[in-house]
Protein backbone atom coordinates (compact mmCIF):
# COMPACT_ATOMS: atom_id res chain seq x y z
CA MET A 1 90.26 57.98 111.04
CA ASP A 2 89.48 60.50 108.15
CA VAL A 3 88.80 64.20 109.00
CA ASN A 4 85.15 65.38 108.05
CA THR A 5 86.30 68.55 106.18
CA ASN A 6 82.86 70.04 106.20
CA LEU A 7 83.13 69.99 110.06
CA THR A 8 86.88 71.07 110.40
CA VAL A 9 87.24 74.64 111.36
CA LYS A 10 88.76 76.79 108.83
CA ARG A 11 91.04 79.11 110.71
CA PRO A 12 91.72 82.49 109.10
CA LYS A 13 95.29 82.95 107.81
CA ARG A 14 97.53 84.64 110.39
CA VAL A 15 98.20 88.28 109.42
CA ARG A 16 101.75 89.60 110.48
CA GLU A 17 101.58 93.40 110.92
CA THR A 18 105.30 93.71 110.69
CA ASN A 19 105.31 97.56 109.96
CA ASP A 20 103.08 98.26 112.95
CA TYR A 21 105.31 96.17 115.27
CA ALA A 22 108.39 97.76 114.01
CA ALA A 23 106.88 101.32 114.66
CA PHE A 24 106.02 100.19 118.37
CA VAL A 25 109.75 99.00 118.88
CA ARG A 26 111.05 102.23 117.58
CA ARG A 27 108.64 104.21 120.01
CA THR A 28 109.74 102.20 122.97
CA ILE A 29 113.66 102.48 122.00
CA ARG A 30 113.23 106.40 121.91
CA ALA A 31 111.18 106.32 125.32
CA TYR A 32 113.90 104.26 126.84
CA SER A 33 116.44 106.53 125.50
CA ARG A 34 114.72 109.73 127.01
CA ARG A 35 114.57 108.21 130.46
CA VAL A 36 118.38 107.22 130.23
CA ALA A 37 119.19 110.76 129.12
CA GLN A 38 117.15 112.35 131.91
CA GLY A 39 120.11 111.10 134.14
CA ASP A 40 120.14 107.42 134.37
CA VAL A 41 123.88 106.94 133.65
CA ASP A 42 123.75 103.46 135.07
CA ALA A 43 121.39 102.27 132.49
CA LEU A 44 124.08 102.82 129.85
CA PRO A 45 125.41 99.18 129.92
CA GLU A 46 122.15 97.81 129.84
CA MET A 47 121.29 99.81 126.49
CA LEU A 48 124.44 98.54 125.19
CA ALA A 49 123.41 94.89 125.95
CA ILE A 50 120.07 95.61 124.25
CA MET A 51 121.88 96.83 121.20
CA ALA A 52 123.89 93.73 121.11
CA GLU A 53 120.92 91.67 121.38
CA PHE A 54 119.39 93.41 118.71
CA ASP A 55 122.28 93.05 116.38
CA GLN A 56 122.27 89.13 116.88
CA ALA A 57 118.49 89.00 116.20
CA ILE A 58 119.21 90.87 112.98
CA ARG A 59 121.86 88.25 112.19
CA GLU A 60 119.47 85.33 112.81
CA SER A 61 116.69 87.02 110.91
CA VAL A 62 118.88 87.51 107.77
CA LYS A 63 120.44 84.00 108.15
CA ALA A 64 116.71 82.52 108.38
CA LEU A 65 115.56 84.73 105.38
CA HIS A 66 118.80 83.63 103.30
CA ASP A 67 118.28 79.82 104.45
CA GLY A 68 114.62 79.85 103.53
CA LYS A 69 113.72 78.06 106.66
CA GLU A 70 110.37 79.96 107.12
CA THR A 71 109.86 80.98 103.55
CA LYS A 72 111.35 80.75 100.13
CA PRO A 73 115.16 81.48 100.34
CA TYR A 74 116.10 84.98 99.57
CA SER A 75 119.43 85.64 97.78
CA TRP A 76 122.07 87.92 99.13
CA ALA A 77 121.16 90.31 96.28
CA GLU A 78 117.39 90.31 97.36
CA ILE A 79 118.38 91.08 101.03
CA GLY A 80 120.88 93.63 99.95
CA GLN A 81 118.55 95.48 97.82
CA ARG A 82 116.01 95.88 100.81
CA VAL A 83 118.78 97.21 103.15
CA GLY A 84 120.67 99.37 100.78
CA LEU A 85 123.74 97.09 100.53
CA THR A 86 125.43 95.16 97.72
CA ARG A 87 125.16 91.42 97.42
CA GLN A 88 128.67 91.00 98.59
CA ALA A 89 128.47 93.41 101.42
CA CYS A 90 125.54 91.37 102.82
CA GLN A 91 127.32 88.12 102.51
CA GLN A 92 130.20 89.46 104.23
CA ARG A 93 128.36 91.05 107.03
CA TRP A 94 125.84 88.30 107.84
CA GLY A 95 127.03 85.09 105.68
CA ARG A 96 129.51 83.95 108.33
């Protein structure tokens, strides 16, 4: 069966507001830090677990950018330029 393109809904392209989302994450981390700093020493292990999870998320994001699974592949030089590292430093840090 053919699709009648005149009747097919044209969905708007999904907008990714990455910068706004990053700002939200920063505010959340700072708020959590303030809560812990007010005397919740038992929350420190949880903060370290969050840090480890965040490091893993960065590794996965960089790998996906380099492999080009969602978009065109980015070179180590392109990635390094965005984060202030050399191509070699990026490859050593995230290329495993």
